[in-house]
Amino acid sequence: MILRGGLAGLVALVLLVLFQAGDGDGSDGVSWFGSGSLTGQSRPGHDFGFGGVLRNDGDRSITLRSASFVGDVPPQQGLLRETLVFDLGNAGFGPGGAWWPDEELRPYTRPIDGYVVRPSEEVGLVFVVEIRGAGPMTWTEGTVTYERDGERRSVQGRLGLTLCPMTRGCG
């Protein structure tokens, strides 16, 4: 998720943000990065929002279409339920993670499909993970798919999102 400065106290889970690699860089000037390595506690039946930023350094607008995660997580444990986008012009938000929905950020978000990102623009991404099981879950990569000039393209990035059972932790 993307956290506003004052929201840090709102997060009721333990986060370990190491800010390791999280960059994806497309050959046409589109790049994105996640929150680095982030470990949170999982609660079956709850959603977790994981944030990122996408930048269009190309000379033409792009239209976002979808996002996906790669990891050894069976769908009965957890899955990427939706990806939302918001204008970073809503100052005070930055990458992070927390239970979703976040009532302060939610009104600013829109579905990813069809969202237009102009040249030199950055947008916030919220990857909403549906937690279905209690075991540890790790996603290592993510892909954002978009269109430029009618051609479908994608940019991949490394993730470090791990959700662990509240009762046992990751150990």
N, C-alpha and C. Protein backbone atom coordinates (compact mmCIF):
# COMPACT_ATOMS: atom_id res chain seq x y z
N MET A 1 0.84 -1.16 0.00
CA MET A 1 0.00 0.00 0.00
C MET A 1 0.88 1.22 0.00
N ILE A 2 0.31 2.33 -0.13
CA ILE A 2 1.03 3.58 -0.10
C ILE A 2 0.62 4.28 1.19
N LEU A 3 1.56 4.68 1.98
CA LEU A 3 1.25 5.26 3.27
C LEU A 3 1.41 6.77 3.27
N ARG A 4 0.48 7.48 3.88
CA ARG A 4 0.61 8.91 4.13
C ARG A 4 1.43 9.02 5.41
N GLY A 5 2.21 10.06 5.54
CA GLY A 5 3.09 10.22 6.69
C GLY A 5 2.43 9.89 8.02
N GLY A 6 1.24 10.39 8.29
CA GLY A 6 0.57 10.17 9.56
C GLY A 6 -0.07 8.81 9.69
N LEU A 7 -0.13 8.04 8.62
CA LEU A 7 -0.77 6.73 8.67
C LEU A 7 0.11 5.65 9.27
N ALA A 8 1.39 5.93 9.46
CA ALA A 8 2.29 4.90 9.95
C ALA A 8 1.77 4.30 11.26
N GLY A 9 1.21 5.12 12.13
CA GLY A 9 0.67 4.61 13.38
C GLY A 9 -0.57 3.77 13.19
N LEU A 10 -1.24 3.93 12.06
CA LEU A 10 -2.45 3.18 11.77
C LEU A 10 -2.15 1.72 11.47
N VAL A 11 -0.97 1.45 11.00
CA VAL A 11 -0.62 0.09 10.59
C VAL A 11 -0.45 -0.76 11.83
N ALA A 12 -1.31 -1.80 11.97
CA ALA A 12 -1.33 -2.62 13.18
C ALA A 12 -0.53 -3.90 13.02
N LEU A 13 0.32 -3.96 11.99
CA LEU A 13 1.10 -5.16 11.79
C LEU A 13 2.58 -4.80 11.79
N VAL A 14 3.39 -5.80 11.93
CA VAL A 14 4.83 -5.58 11.96
C VAL A 14 5.34 -5.61 10.53
N LEU A 15 6.02 -4.54 10.12
CA LEU A 15 6.59 -4.48 8.78
C LEU A 15 8.09 -4.39 8.87
N LEU A 16 8.76 -5.15 8.04
CA LEU A 16 10.20 -5.05 7.93
C LEU A 16 10.49 -4.63 6.50
N VAL A 17 10.85 -3.38 6.32
CA VAL A 17 11.09 -2.85 4.98
C VAL A 17 12.59 -2.70 4.81
N LEU A 18 13.17 -3.52 3.95
CA LEU A 18 14.61 -3.52 3.75
C LEU A 18 15.04 -2.69 2.54
N PHE A 19 14.11 -2.31 1.67
CA PHE A 19 14.39 -1.57 0.45
C PHE A 19 15.52 -2.19 -0.36
N GLN A 20 15.36 -3.48 -0.67
CA GLN A 20 16.26 -4.13 -1.61
C GLN A 20 15.80 -3.78 -3.01
N ALA A 21 16.33 -4.50 -3.99
CA ALA A 21 15.96 -4.23 -5.38
C ALA A 21 14.46 -4.41 -5.56
N GLY A 22 13.89 -3.57 -6.38
CA GLY A 22 12.48 -3.66 -6.70
C GLY A 22 12.22 -2.96 -8.00
N ASP A 23 13.23 -2.87 -8.85
CA ASP A 23 13.10 -2.08 -10.07
C ASP A 23 12.75 -2.94 -11.26
N GLY A 24 11.87 -2.41 -12.09
CA GLY A 24 11.59 -2.99 -13.39
C GLY A 24 11.75 -1.87 -14.39
N ASP A 25 12.53 -2.09 -15.42
CA ASP A 25 12.79 -1.02 -16.37
C ASP A 25 12.56 -1.54 -17.77
N GLY A 26 11.57 -0.98 -18.45
CA GLY A 26 11.29 -1.36 -19.82
C GLY A 26 12.18 -0.61 -20.78
N SER A 27 12.38 -1.18 -21.97
CA SER A 27 13.27 -0.56 -22.95
C SER A 27 12.67 0.70 -23.55
N ASP A 28 11.39 0.95 -23.32
CA ASP A 28 10.75 2.13 -23.90
C ASP A 28 10.49 3.22 -22.87
N GLY A 29 11.23 3.20 -21.76
CA GLY A 29 11.13 4.28 -20.78
C GLY A 29 10.10 4.10 -19.69
N VAL A 30 9.48 2.93 -19.59
CA VAL A 30 8.51 2.68 -18.53
C VAL A 30 9.20 1.85 -17.45
N SER A 31 9.12 2.30 -16.21
CA SER A 31 9.74 1.57 -15.11
C SER A 31 8.80 1.58 -13.92
N TRP A 32 8.99 0.61 -13.04
CA TRP A 32 8.22 0.58 -11.80
C TRP A 32 9.06 -0.04 -10.71
N PHE A 33 8.75 0.33 -9.48
CA PHE A 33 9.41 -0.28 -8.34
C PHE A 33 8.39 -0.47 -7.24
N GLY A 34 8.61 -1.52 -6.45
CA GLY A 34 7.74 -1.81 -5.32
C GLY A 34 8.32 -1.22 -4.06
N SER A 35 7.85 -1.70 -2.95
CA SER A 35 8.27 -1.18 -1.65
C SER A 35 9.56 -1.81 -1.17
N GLY A 36 10.30 -2.49 -2.02
CA GLY A 36 11.48 -3.21 -1.59
C GLY A 36 11.06 -4.50 -0.95
N SER A 37 11.86 -5.03 -0.06
CA SER A 37 11.48 -6.25 0.65
C SER A 37 10.59 -5.86 1.82
N LEU A 38 9.45 -6.49 1.88
CA LEU A 38 8.48 -6.13 2.90
C LEU A 38 7.92 -7.42 3.50
N THR A 39 7.95 -7.53 4.80
CA THR A 39 7.40 -8.70 5.49
C THR A 39 6.27 -8.22 6.38
N GLY A 40 5.11 -8.86 6.23
CA GLY A 40 3.96 -8.51 7.05
C GLY A 40 3.30 -9.75 7.58
N GLN A 41 2.37 -9.60 8.47
CA GLN A 41 1.65 -10.73 9.04
C GLN A 41 0.38 -10.97 8.25
N SER A 42 0.12 -12.25 7.96
CA SER A 42 -1.06 -12.60 7.18
C SER A 42 -2.21 -12.96 8.10
N ARG A 43 -3.39 -12.61 7.67
CA ARG A 43 -4.63 -12.97 8.36
C ARG A 43 -5.59 -13.50 7.31
N PRO A 44 -5.85 -14.82 7.31
CA PRO A 44 -6.79 -15.35 6.33
C PRO A 44 -8.12 -14.60 6.40
N GLY A 45 -8.68 -14.30 5.22
CA GLY A 45 -9.93 -13.57 5.16
C GLY A 45 -9.75 -12.06 5.08
N HIS A 46 -8.52 -11.58 5.12
CA HIS A 46 -8.24 -10.15 5.03
C HIS A 46 -7.43 -9.86 3.77
N ASP A 47 -7.45 -8.62 3.35
CA ASP A 47 -6.66 -8.18 2.20
C ASP A 47 -5.47 -7.36 2.69
N PHE A 48 -4.38 -7.42 1.92
CA PHE A 48 -3.17 -6.67 2.22
C PHE A 48 -2.83 -5.84 0.99
N GLY A 49 -2.55 -4.55 1.18
CA GLY A 49 -2.18 -3.67 0.08
C GLY A 49 -0.68 -3.42 0.08
N PHE A 50 -0.06 -3.63 -1.07
CA PHE A 50 1.38 -3.47 -1.24
C PHE A 50 1.60 -2.40 -2.29
N GLY A 51 2.40 -1.39 -1.99
CA GLY A 51 2.52 -0.23 -2.87
C GLY A 51 3.70 -0.26 -3.81
N GLY A 52 3.57 0.52 -4.86
CA GLY A 52 4.64 0.69 -5.83
C GLY A 52 4.44 1.99 -6.58
N VAL A 53 5.40 2.33 -7.41
CA VAL A 53 5.34 3.54 -8.23
C VAL A 53 5.72 3.15 -9.65
N LEU A 54 4.96 3.63 -10.62
CA LEU A 54 5.26 3.42 -12.03
C LEU A 54 5.57 4.76 -12.66
N ARG A 55 6.61 4.80 -13.49
CA ARG A 55 7.03 6.04 -14.14
C ARG A 55 7.08 5.83 -15.65
N ASN A 56 6.54 6.80 -16.38
CA ASN A 56 6.60 6.79 -17.84
C ASN A 56 7.59 7.86 -18.29
N ASP A 57 8.81 7.44 -18.62
CA ASP A 57 9.82 8.36 -19.12
C ASP A 57 9.85 8.39 -20.64
N GLY A 58 8.89 7.71 -21.27
CA GLY A 58 8.82 7.72 -22.72
C GLY A 58 8.27 9.05 -23.23
N ASP A 59 8.19 9.19 -24.54
CA ASP A 59 7.71 10.45 -25.12
C ASP A 59 6.24 10.39 -25.54
N ARG A 60 5.57 9.26 -25.24
CA ARG A 60 4.13 9.12 -25.53
C ARG A 60 3.41 8.53 -24.33
N SER A 61 2.13 8.80 -24.24
CA SER A 61 1.32 8.26 -23.15
C SER A 61 1.20 6.75 -23.28
N ILE A 62 0.98 6.11 -22.14
CA ILE A 62 0.70 4.67 -22.11
C ILE A 62 -0.64 4.46 -21.42
N THR A 63 -1.28 3.35 -21.73
CA THR A 63 -2.53 2.97 -21.09
C THR A 63 -2.28 1.68 -20.32
N LEU A 64 -2.42 1.74 -19.00
CA LEU A 64 -2.20 0.56 -18.17
C LEU A 64 -3.33 -0.43 -18.37
N ARG A 65 -2.99 -1.74 -18.33
CA ARG A 65 -3.99 -2.79 -18.55
C ARG A 65 -4.12 -3.75 -17.36
N SER A 66 -3.02 -4.23 -16.82
CA SER A 66 -3.13 -5.23 -15.75
C SER A 66 -1.80 -5.36 -15.02
N ALA A 67 -1.83 -6.15 -13.96
CA ALA A 67 -0.62 -6.48 -13.21
C ALA A 67 -0.73 -7.92 -12.76
N SER A 68 0.42 -8.56 -12.55
CA SER A 68 0.42 -9.94 -12.05
C SER A 68 1.65 -10.13 -11.16
N PHE A 69 1.59 -11.13 -10.29
CA PHE A 69 2.68 -11.47 -9.39
C PHE A 69 3.20 -12.85 -9.76
N VAL A 70 4.48 -13.11 -9.50
CA VAL A 70 5.09 -14.41 -9.68
C VAL A 70 5.63 -14.86 -8.33
N GLY A 71 5.30 -16.08 -7.96
CA GLY A 71 5.78 -16.65 -6.70
C GLY A 71 5.24 -18.04 -6.54
N ASP A 72 5.77 -18.76 -5.58
CA ASP A 72 5.32 -20.13 -5.32
C ASP A 72 4.18 -20.13 -4.32
N VAL A 73 3.14 -19.38 -4.62
CA VAL A 73 2.00 -19.26 -3.72
C VAL A 73 0.78 -19.87 -4.41
N PRO A 74 0.28 -21.00 -3.89
CA PRO A 74 -0.92 -21.57 -4.51
C PRO A 74 -2.13 -20.65 -4.30
N PRO A 75 -3.05 -20.62 -5.26
CA PRO A 75 -4.20 -19.71 -5.15
C PRO A 75 -5.04 -19.91 -3.89
N GLN A 76 -5.03 -21.11 -3.33
CA GLN A 76 -5.81 -21.32 -2.10
C GLN A 76 -5.16 -20.65 -0.89
N GLN A 77 -3.87 -20.24 -1.02
CA GLN A 77 -3.19 -19.50 0.03
C GLN A 77 -3.40 -18.00 -0.09
N GLY A 78 -3.17 -17.47 -1.31
CA GLY A 78 -3.31 -16.05 -1.54
C GLY A 78 -3.14 -15.72 -3.00
N LEU A 79 -3.72 -14.60 -3.41
CA LEU A 79 -3.59 -14.19 -4.80
C LEU A 79 -3.76 -12.69 -4.94
N LEU A 80 -3.22 -12.18 -6.04
CA LEU A 80 -3.38 -10.76 -6.36
C LEU A 80 -4.80 -10.57 -6.85
N ARG A 81 -5.63 -9.91 -6.04
CA ARG A 81 -7.05 -9.76 -6.35
C ARG A 81 -7.31 -8.59 -7.28
N GLU A 82 -6.62 -7.49 -7.06
CA GLU A 82 -6.80 -6.32 -7.92
C GLU A 82 -5.60 -5.40 -7.80
N THR A 83 -5.43 -4.59 -8.83
CA THR A 83 -4.38 -3.57 -8.80
C THR A 83 -5.05 -2.23 -9.05
N LEU A 84 -4.75 -1.29 -8.20
CA LEU A 84 -5.34 0.05 -8.27
C LEU A 84 -4.24 1.07 -8.56
N VAL A 85 -4.63 2.19 -9.13
CA VAL A 85 -3.70 3.26 -9.50
C VAL A 85 -4.21 4.56 -8.90
N PHE A 86 -3.28 5.46 -8.57
CA PHE A 86 -3.70 6.80 -8.14
C PHE A 86 -2.64 7.81 -8.54
N ASP A 87 -3.05 9.04 -8.65
CA ASP A 87 -2.19 10.16 -9.02
C ASP A 87 -1.33 10.52 -7.82
N LEU A 88 -0.02 10.51 -8.00
CA LEU A 88 0.89 10.85 -6.90
C LEU A 88 0.84 12.33 -6.55
N GLY A 89 0.08 13.11 -7.32
CA GLY A 89 -0.12 14.52 -6.98
C GLY A 89 -0.83 14.68 -5.64
N ASN A 90 -1.45 13.61 -5.15
CA ASN A 90 -2.04 13.62 -3.82
C ASN A 90 -0.88 13.46 -2.83
N ALA A 91 -0.19 14.56 -2.57
CA ALA A 91 1.06 14.57 -1.82
C ALA A 91 0.94 13.87 -0.47
N GLY A 92 2.07 13.33 -0.04
CA GLY A 92 2.14 12.71 1.27
C GLY A 92 2.07 11.20 1.25
N PHE A 93 1.90 10.58 0.08
CA PHE A 93 1.86 9.13 0.00
C PHE A 93 3.19 8.61 -0.49
N GLY A 94 3.62 7.48 0.02
CA GLY A 94 4.86 6.85 -0.42
C GLY A 94 4.72 5.34 -0.29
N PRO A 95 5.64 4.54 -0.89
CA PRO A 95 5.51 3.09 -0.86
C PRO A 95 5.49 2.52 0.55
N GLY A 96 4.78 1.44 0.73
CA GLY A 96 4.68 0.73 2.00
C GLY A 96 3.69 -0.40 1.87
N GLY A 97 3.18 -0.88 2.98
CA GLY A 97 2.21 -1.97 2.96
C GLY A 97 1.38 -1.97 4.23
N ALA A 98 0.13 -2.41 4.12
CA ALA A 98 -0.76 -2.47 5.29
C ALA A 98 -2.05 -3.19 4.90
N TRP A 99 -2.89 -3.43 5.89
CA TRP A 99 -4.20 -4.04 5.62
C TRP A 99 -4.98 -3.13 4.68
N TRP A 100 -5.76 -3.74 3.83
CA TRP A 100 -6.55 -3.00 2.85
C TRP A 100 -8.02 -3.32 3.08
N PRO A 101 -8.93 -2.38 2.91
CA PRO A 101 -8.72 -1.06 2.34
C PRO A 101 -8.24 -0.04 3.37
N ASP A 102 -7.48 0.92 2.87
CA ASP A 102 -7.07 2.06 3.66
C ASP A 102 -8.07 3.17 3.36
N GLU A 103 -8.81 3.59 4.34
CA GLU A 103 -9.91 4.53 4.11
C GLU A 103 -9.45 5.91 3.64
N GLU A 104 -8.19 6.29 3.97
CA GLU A 104 -7.70 7.60 3.50
C GLU A 104 -7.28 7.56 2.04
N LEU A 105 -6.68 6.46 1.62
CA LEU A 105 -6.18 6.35 0.25
C LEU A 105 -7.24 5.89 -0.73
N ARG A 106 -8.12 5.02 -0.30
CA ARG A 106 -9.11 4.39 -1.21
C ARG A 106 -9.84 5.38 -2.11
N PRO A 107 -10.30 6.53 -1.64
CA PRO A 107 -11.03 7.45 -2.52
C PRO A 107 -10.20 7.98 -3.70
N TYR A 108 -8.87 7.91 -3.60
CA TYR A 108 -8.01 8.42 -4.68
C TYR A 108 -7.70 7.35 -5.73
N THR A 109 -8.04 6.10 -5.47
CA THR A 109 -7.63 5.01 -6.36
C THR A 109 -8.64 4.75 -7.46
N ARG A 110 -8.13 4.21 -8.56
CA ARG A 110 -8.93 3.80 -9.72
C ARG A 110 -8.41 2.43 -10.17
N PRO A 111 -9.26 1.63 -10.83
CA PRO A 111 -8.76 0.35 -11.38
C PRO A 111 -7.64 0.59 -12.39
N ILE A 112 -6.72 -0.34 -12.48
CA ILE A 112 -5.57 -0.18 -13.37
C ILE A 112 -5.97 -0.18 -14.84
N ASP A 113 -6.94 -1.00 -15.23
CA ASP A 113 -7.29 -1.16 -16.64
C ASP A 113 -7.84 0.14 -17.23
N GLY A 114 -7.12 0.69 -18.19
CA GLY A 114 -7.55 1.90 -18.87
C GLY A 114 -6.96 3.19 -18.32
N TYR A 115 -6.19 3.12 -17.25
CA TYR A 115 -5.60 4.32 -16.66
C TYR A 115 -4.47 4.82 -17.57
N VAL A 116 -4.52 6.08 -17.96
CA VAL A 116 -3.53 6.67 -18.87
C VAL A 116 -2.45 7.39 -18.07
N VAL A 117 -1.19 7.08 -18.40
CA VAL A 117 -0.05 7.71 -17.77
C VAL A 117 0.68 8.52 -18.84
N ARG A 118 0.72 9.81 -18.65
CA ARG A 118 1.35 10.72 -19.62
C ARG A 118 2.88 10.67 -19.53
N PRO A 119 3.58 11.17 -20.56
CA PRO A 119 5.04 11.21 -20.50
C PRO A 119 5.52 11.99 -19.27
N SER A 120 6.59 11.51 -18.67
CA SER A 120 7.21 12.10 -17.47
C SER A 120 6.32 12.07 -16.24
N GLU A 121 5.29 11.24 -16.24
CA GLU A 121 4.38 11.16 -15.10
C GLU A 121 4.67 9.90 -14.28
N GLU A 122 4.53 10.03 -12.97
CA GLU A 122 4.60 8.90 -12.05
C GLU A 122 3.23 8.70 -11.44
N VAL A 123 2.85 7.43 -11.25
CA VAL A 123 1.59 7.11 -10.59
C VAL A 123 1.85 6.08 -9.50
N GLY A 124 1.02 6.10 -8.47
CA GLY A 124 1.10 5.11 -7.41
C GLY A 124 0.32 3.87 -7.80
N LEU A 125 0.82 2.71 -7.39
CA LEU A 125 0.16 1.43 -7.61
C LEU A 125 -0.15 0.81 -6.25
N VAL A 126 -1.31 0.21 -6.12
CA VAL A 126 -1.66 -0.55 -4.93
C VAL A 126 -2.03 -1.95 -5.38
N PHE A 127 -1.20 -2.92 -5.02
CA PHE A 127 -1.45 -4.32 -5.35
C PHE A 127 -2.20 -4.92 -4.16
N VAL A 128 -3.45 -5.30 -4.36
CA VAL A 128 -4.28 -5.82 -3.27
C VAL A 128 -4.24 -7.35 -3.30
N VAL A 129 -3.64 -7.93 -2.26
CA VAL A 129 -3.50 -9.38 -2.13
C VAL A 129 -4.62 -9.90 -1.23
N GLU A 130 -5.34 -10.89 -1.73
CA GLU A 130 -6.37 -11.56 -0.93
C GLU A 130 -5.70 -12.72 -0.20
N ILE A 131 -5.72 -12.67 1.12
CA ILE A 131 -5.09 -13.71 1.94
C ILE A 131 -6.13 -14.79 2.22
N ARG A 132 -5.87 -15.99 1.73
CA ARG A 132 -6.83 -17.09 1.88
C ARG A 132 -6.37 -18.15 2.87
N GLY A 133 -5.06 -18.34 3.02
CA GLY A 133 -4.54 -19.38 3.90
C GLY A 133 -3.62 -18.78 4.94
N ALA A 134 -3.13 -19.64 5.83
CA ALA A 134 -2.33 -19.16 6.95
C ALA A 134 -0.83 -19.35 6.78
N GLY A 135 -0.40 -20.03 5.74
CA GLY A 135 1.03 -20.31 5.57
C GLY A 135 1.80 -19.11 5.07
N PRO A 136 3.13 -19.16 5.16
CA PRO A 136 3.94 -18.08 4.62
C PRO A 136 3.75 -17.98 3.11
N MET A 137 3.72 -16.78 2.58
CA MET A 137 3.53 -16.54 1.15
C MET A 137 4.58 -15.55 0.69
N THR A 138 5.27 -15.85 -0.42
CA THR A 138 6.28 -14.94 -0.95
C THR A 138 6.08 -14.78 -2.45
N TRP A 139 6.04 -13.55 -2.89
CA TRP A 139 6.00 -13.22 -4.31
C TRP A 139 7.32 -12.55 -4.65
N THR A 140 8.00 -13.02 -5.70
CA THR A 140 9.34 -12.56 -6.03
C THR A 140 9.40 -11.58 -7.20
N GLU A 141 8.41 -11.61 -8.07
CA GLU A 141 8.41 -10.74 -9.25
C GLU A 141 7.00 -10.26 -9.54
N GLY A 142 6.94 -9.18 -10.26
CA GLY A 142 5.65 -8.66 -10.70
C GLY A 142 5.77 -8.12 -12.11
N THR A 143 4.65 -8.09 -12.81
CA THR A 143 4.61 -7.58 -14.18
C THR A 143 3.47 -6.58 -14.29
N VAL A 144 3.73 -5.46 -14.93
CA VAL A 144 2.68 -4.49 -15.24
C VAL A 144 2.56 -4.47 -16.77
N THR A 145 1.35 -4.70 -17.27
CA THR A 145 1.09 -4.72 -18.71
C THR A 145 0.42 -3.41 -19.11
N TYR A 146 0.84 -2.87 -20.27
CA TYR A 146 0.31 -1.59 -20.74
C TYR A 146 0.30 -1.58 -22.27
N GLU A 147 -0.32 -0.56 -22.83
CA GLU A 147 -0.32 -0.37 -24.28
C GLU A 147 0.28 0.99 -24.60
N ARG A 148 1.06 1.01 -25.68
CA ARG A 148 1.60 2.26 -26.21
C ARG A 148 1.42 2.16 -27.73
N ASP A 149 0.77 3.15 -28.29
CA ASP A 149 0.53 3.19 -29.75
C ASP A 149 -0.16 1.91 -30.23
N GLY A 150 -1.09 1.37 -29.44
CA GLY A 150 -1.85 0.19 -29.83
C GLY A 150 -1.11 -1.12 -29.67
N GLU A 151 0.14 -1.09 -29.22
CA GLU A 151 0.93 -2.31 -29.03
C GLU A 151 0.99 -2.67 -27.55
N ARG A 152 0.69 -3.93 -27.25
CA ARG A 152 0.70 -4.40 -25.86
C ARG A 152 2.15 -4.68 -25.44
N ARG A 153 2.54 -4.17 -24.27
CA ARG A 153 3.90 -4.33 -23.75
C ARG A 153 3.82 -4.61 -22.26
N SER A 154 4.95 -4.96 -21.68
CA SER A 154 4.96 -5.17 -20.23
C SER A 154 6.33 -4.82 -19.68
N VAL A 155 6.35 -4.54 -18.40
CA VAL A 155 7.59 -4.28 -17.69
C VAL A 155 7.57 -5.14 -16.43
N GLN A 156 8.69 -5.82 -16.17
CA GLN A 156 8.79 -6.70 -15.01
C GLN A 156 9.65 -6.05 -13.95
N GLY A 157 9.37 -6.40 -12.71
CA GLY A 157 10.16 -5.90 -11.60
C GLY A 157 10.26 -6.95 -10.52
N ARG A 158 11.31 -6.84 -9.72
CA ARG A 158 11.49 -7.76 -8.59
C ARG A 158 10.67 -7.26 -7.41
N LEU A 159 10.08 -8.21 -6.70
CA LEU A 159 9.33 -7.90 -5.48
C LEU A 159 10.00 -8.61 -4.33
N GLY A 160 9.65 -8.19 -3.15
CA GLY A 160 10.10 -8.89 -1.96
C GLY A 160 8.97 -8.91 -0.95
N LEU A 161 7.78 -9.34 -1.41
CA LEU A 161 6.62 -9.33 -0.51
C LEU A 161 6.45 -10.71 0.11
N THR A 162 6.55 -10.77 1.43
CA THR A 162 6.34 -12.00 2.18
C THR A 162 5.30 -11.74 3.25
N LEU A 163 4.28 -12.57 3.28
CA LEU A 163 3.26 -12.51 4.33
C LEU A 163 3.35 -13.79 5.15
N CYS A 164 3.43 -13.65 6.46
CA CYS A 164 3.64 -14.78 7.36
C CYS A 164 2.46 -14.92 8.32
N PRO A 165 2.18 -16.15 8.78
CA PRO A 165 1.09 -16.35 9.74
C PRO A 165 1.31 -15.53 11.01
N MET A 166 0.24 -14.93 11.51
CA MET A 166 0.35 -14.12 12.72
C MET A 166 0.77 -14.96 13.92
N THR A 167 0.35 -16.22 13.97
CA THR A 167 0.62 -17.04 15.14
C THR A 167 2.02 -17.65 15.14
N ARG A 168 2.59 -17.92 13.93
CA ARG A 168 3.87 -18.60 13.86
C ARG A 168 5.00 -17.73 13.34
N GLY A 169 4.69 -16.67 12.63
CA GLY A 169 5.73 -15.88 12.00
C GLY A 169 6.33 -16.60 10.81
N CYS A 170 7.45 -16.11 10.31
CA CYS A 170 8.08 -16.70 9.12
C CYS A 170 9.13 -17.73 9.46
N GLY A 171 9.49 -17.85 10.71
CA GLY A 171 10.59 -18.72 11.10
C GLY A 171 10.31 -20.17 11.09
